[in-house]
Amino acid sequence: MTRKAIPPKDLVERVAGALRGVGEQIARMRETITSHFDLPRTDRAGLDFLYSRGGACTAGELSKATGLTSGSTTALIDRLERAGYAMREPDRLDRRKQIVRIPERILSDCEALYEPIRKELFRLWSSYSEGDLQVVEDFLARSIQVHAACVEQFGAGTGHAPQHRQRPTGKIRKRS
C-alpha cells in the first residue's frame, strides 16, 4: 500500500483560510441577496434555507438547519407565512408532517436574485476536470461531516453550551 505524502502545514493552513473565506463570502452573499426581502435577519435565513432546498422542507429540517428550537421554528414559519413568504401544506407521504413552501411568486423572485451567482459559479466549476471536481466534492463532503460532528459534540441547537465554556468578557486572551 502506498502512503500518501503529508502536505506542508502552510498549505493546509491556506486551504483552511480559503474555506473560511468561502464561508464568509457565502454569508455575505446570502445577506446581500436576502436583504431584498423586507424581513428580519433570522427570517431571511429561514427563507434562504427554504430556497436552498428547492423552495420546500419540513419544519424539522428548518429547525435543524437554523439551530432554532421547535417553538422558535414555529414562530419563524408563522412570521414568514404572515408576510407572504411561506405557506404550510400537508405532507403527502406523512400526514403528521407539514411542508413549508415558498409561494411561486416569491420563488421566482429568489430565482432572479440567485441566478447571476449560480451562472458564474457553474462557469467557474465547469473549468475544472471531472477528477478535480471529484476531489473537491470529497473534500467538501468530509469537511461537512467533521463540522456536523463538532456541532453535535458541542451541543449546538440543544440550548446547552459546553460545560467548560465561559461567557465572553470582551477581552481576547493570547494563546501561549
Protein backbone atom coordinates (compact mmCIF):
# COMPACT_ATOMS: atom_id res chain seq x y z
CA MET A 1 0.00 0.00 0.00
CA THR A 2 1.36 3.40 -0.94
CA ARG A 3 1.36 6.04 1.78
CA LYS A 4 0.21 9.50 0.83
CA ALA A 5 2.67 12.27 1.46
CA ILE A 6 1.63 14.64 4.22
CA PRO A 7 1.08 18.12 2.75
CA PRO A 8 3.06 21.04 4.17
CA LYS A 9 1.46 22.69 7.18
CA ASP A 10 1.30 26.10 5.46
CA LEU A 11 -0.68 24.61 2.55
CA VAL A 12 -3.19 23.02 4.94
CA GLU A 13 -3.50 26.37 6.74
CA ARG A 14 -4.02 28.21 3.42
CA VAL A 15 -6.78 25.75 2.49
CA ALA A 16 -8.40 26.25 5.91
CA GLY A 17 -8.20 30.02 5.45
CA ALA A 18 -9.65 29.80 1.95
CA LEU A 19 -12.51 27.64 3.21
CA ARG A 20 -13.26 30.18 5.95
CA GLY A 21 -13.17 32.88 3.27
CA VAL A 22 -15.67 30.94 1.15
CA GLY A 23 -17.96 30.62 4.17
CA GLU A 24 -17.70 34.34 4.88
CA GLN A 25 -18.44 35.26 1.27
CA ILE A 26 -21.40 32.88 1.12
CA ALA A 27 -22.78 34.51 4.27
CA ARG A 28 -22.26 37.99 2.79
CA MET A 29 -23.86 36.96 -0.50
CA ARG A 30 -26.82 35.41 1.31
CA GLU A 31 -27.23 38.55 3.39
CA THR A 32 -26.99 40.79 0.31
CA ILE A 33 -29.47 38.76 -1.71
CA THR A 34 -31.99 38.24 1.07
CA SER A 35 -31.83 41.92 2.08
CA HIS A 36 -34.06 42.49 -0.96
CA PHE A 37 -36.85 40.94 1.09
CA ASP A 38 -38.40 43.04 3.82
CA LEU A 39 -37.68 40.57 6.61
CA PRO A 40 -35.62 40.44 9.80
CA ARG A 41 -32.28 38.58 9.55
CA THR A 42 -33.47 35.31 11.14
CA ASP A 43 -36.48 35.22 8.83
CA ARG A 44 -34.26 35.90 5.80
CA ALA A 45 -32.02 32.99 6.87
CA GLY A 46 -35.11 30.76 7.04
CA LEU A 47 -36.23 31.91 3.59
CA ASP A 48 -32.73 31.30 2.22
CA PHE A 49 -32.70 27.77 3.64
CA LEU A 50 -36.12 27.06 2.14
CA TYR A 51 -34.87 28.30 -1.22
CA SER A 52 -31.72 26.19 -0.98
CA ARG A 53 -33.95 23.13 -0.56
CA GLY A 54 -35.87 23.79 -3.76
CA GLY A 55 -38.41 26.01 -2.04
CA ALA A 56 -39.77 23.48 0.44
CA CYS A 57 -38.85 21.47 3.52
CA THR A 58 -40.35 20.20 6.75
CA ALA A 59 -40.40 22.28 9.92
CA GLY A 60 -37.98 19.76 11.45
CA GLU A 61 -35.46 20.25 8.64
CA LEU A 62 -35.77 24.02 9.04
CA SER A 63 -35.27 23.72 12.79
CA LYS A 64 -32.16 21.57 12.38
CA ALA A 65 -30.66 23.86 9.74
CA THR A 66 -31.21 27.06 11.70
CA GLY A 67 -30.46 25.65 15.15
CA LEU A 68 -33.76 27.03 16.42
CA THR A 69 -35.93 25.18 18.92
CA SER A 70 -39.19 23.73 17.62
CA GLY A 71 -41.13 26.60 19.24
CA SER A 72 -38.86 29.24 17.67
CA THR A 73 -39.11 27.46 14.31
CA THR A 74 -42.92 27.55 14.55
CA ALA A 75 -42.74 31.28 15.29
CA LEU A 76 -40.39 31.74 12.31
CA ILE A 77 -42.76 29.90 9.99
CA ASP A 78 -45.71 31.90 11.36
CA ARG A 79 -43.88 35.18 10.59
CA LEU A 80 -42.89 34.04 7.10
CA GLU A 81 -46.45 32.93 6.45
CA ARG A 82 -47.96 36.23 7.68
CA ALA A 83 -45.52 38.17 5.49
CA GLY A 84 -46.47 36.06 2.44
CA TYR A 85 -43.06 34.36 2.08
CA ALA A 86 -44.13 30.86 3.06
CA MET A 87 -47.14 28.61 3.32
CA ARG A 88 -47.83 25.32 5.03
CA GLU A 89 -49.27 22.29 3.32
CA PRO A 90 -49.75 18.68 4.41
CA ASP A 91 -47.02 16.20 3.55
CA ARG A 92 -48.46 13.76 1.01
CA LEU A 93 -46.37 10.90 2.38
CA ASP A 94 -46.81 11.51 6.12
CA ARG A 95 -50.00 13.21 7.32
CA ARG A 96 -48.37 14.04 10.67
CA LYS A 97 -45.91 16.39 8.95
CA GLN A 98 -46.36 19.68 7.20
CA ILE A 99 -44.26 21.02 4.37
CA VAL A 100 -43.23 24.66 4.49
CA ARG A 101 -43.17 26.00 0.94
CA ILE A 102 -42.19 29.29 -0.68
CA PRO A 103 -45.07 30.60 -2.85
CA GLU A 104 -44.33 30.58 -6.60
CA ARG A 105 -44.13 34.38 -6.94
CA ILE A 106 -41.53 34.60 -4.15
CA LEU A 107 -39.67 31.59 -5.54
CA SER A 108 -39.45 33.41 -8.89
CA ASP A 109 -38.03 36.47 -7.13
CA CYS A 110 -35.44 34.26 -5.39
CA GLU A 111 -34.52 32.64 -8.71
CA ALA A 112 -33.93 36.03 -10.32
CA LEU A 113 -31.69 37.15 -7.45
CA TYR A 114 -29.64 33.94 -7.23
CA GLU A 115 -29.33 33.27 -10.98
CA PRO A 116 -26.30 35.51 -11.69
CA ILE A 117 -24.16 33.91 -8.97
CA ARG A 118 -25.34 30.42 -9.95
CA LYS A 119 -24.29 31.03 -13.57
CA GLU A 120 -20.87 32.41 -12.58
CA LEU A 121 -20.18 29.54 -10.20
CA PHE A 122 -21.28 26.95 -12.77
CA ARG A 123 -18.95 28.55 -15.31
CA LEU A 124 -16.07 28.51 -12.80
CA TRP A 125 -16.65 24.96 -11.63
CA SER A 126 -17.05 23.71 -15.21
CA SER A 127 -13.50 24.86 -15.91
CA TYR A 128 -12.17 22.04 -13.69
CA SER A 129 -11.74 18.45 -14.79
CA GLU A 130 -14.08 15.73 -13.63
CA GLY A 131 -11.30 14.27 -11.48
CA ASP A 132 -10.60 17.65 -9.87
CA LEU A 133 -14.28 18.12 -9.07
CA GLN A 134 -14.47 14.64 -7.56
CA VAL A 135 -11.61 15.56 -5.20
CA VAL A 136 -13.32 18.86 -4.32
CA GLU A 137 -16.62 17.06 -3.75
CA ASP A 138 -14.95 14.52 -1.46
CA PHE A 139 -13.11 17.28 0.42
CA LEU A 140 -16.30 19.29 0.96
CA ALA A 141 -18.42 16.27 1.93
CA ARG A 142 -15.86 15.14 4.50
CA SER A 143 -15.45 18.71 5.80
CA ILE A 144 -19.22 18.94 6.25
CA GLN A 145 -19.16 15.67 8.21
CA VAL A 146 -16.44 16.99 10.52
CA HIS A 147 -18.34 20.24 11.11
CA ALA A 148 -21.61 18.38 11.74
CA ALA A 149 -19.90 16.06 14.22
CA CYS A 150 -18.39 19.05 16.05
CA VAL A 151 -21.77 20.79 16.19
CA GLU A 152 -23.27 17.61 17.62
CA GLN A 153 -20.43 17.19 20.09
CA PHE A 154 -20.64 20.78 21.32
CA GLY A 155 -24.41 20.59 21.75
CA ALA A 156 -25.31 23.30 19.23
CA GLY A 157 -29.01 23.55 18.69
CA THR A 158 -29.81 21.87 22.01
CA GLY A 159 -29.72 25.06 24.03
CA HIS A 160 -26.84 23.72 26.13
CA ALA A 161 -23.41 25.30 25.96
CA PRO A 162 -20.39 23.15 26.67
CA GLN A 163 -19.68 22.98 30.40
CA HIS A 164 -16.13 24.33 30.13
CA ARG A 165 -17.17 27.41 28.18
CA GLN A 166 -17.46 30.79 29.86
CA ARG A 167 -19.28 33.92 28.73
CA PRO A 168 -17.05 36.28 26.73
CA THR A 169 -15.57 39.10 28.78
CA GLY A 170 -14.84 41.30 25.81
CA LYS A 171 -11.11 40.62 26.20
CA ILE A 172 -9.18 38.30 23.96
CA ARG A 173 -6.73 36.01 25.71
CA LYS A 174 -3.46 35.33 23.95
CA ARG A 175 -2.56 31.70 23.47
CA SER A 176 0.82 30.65 24.75
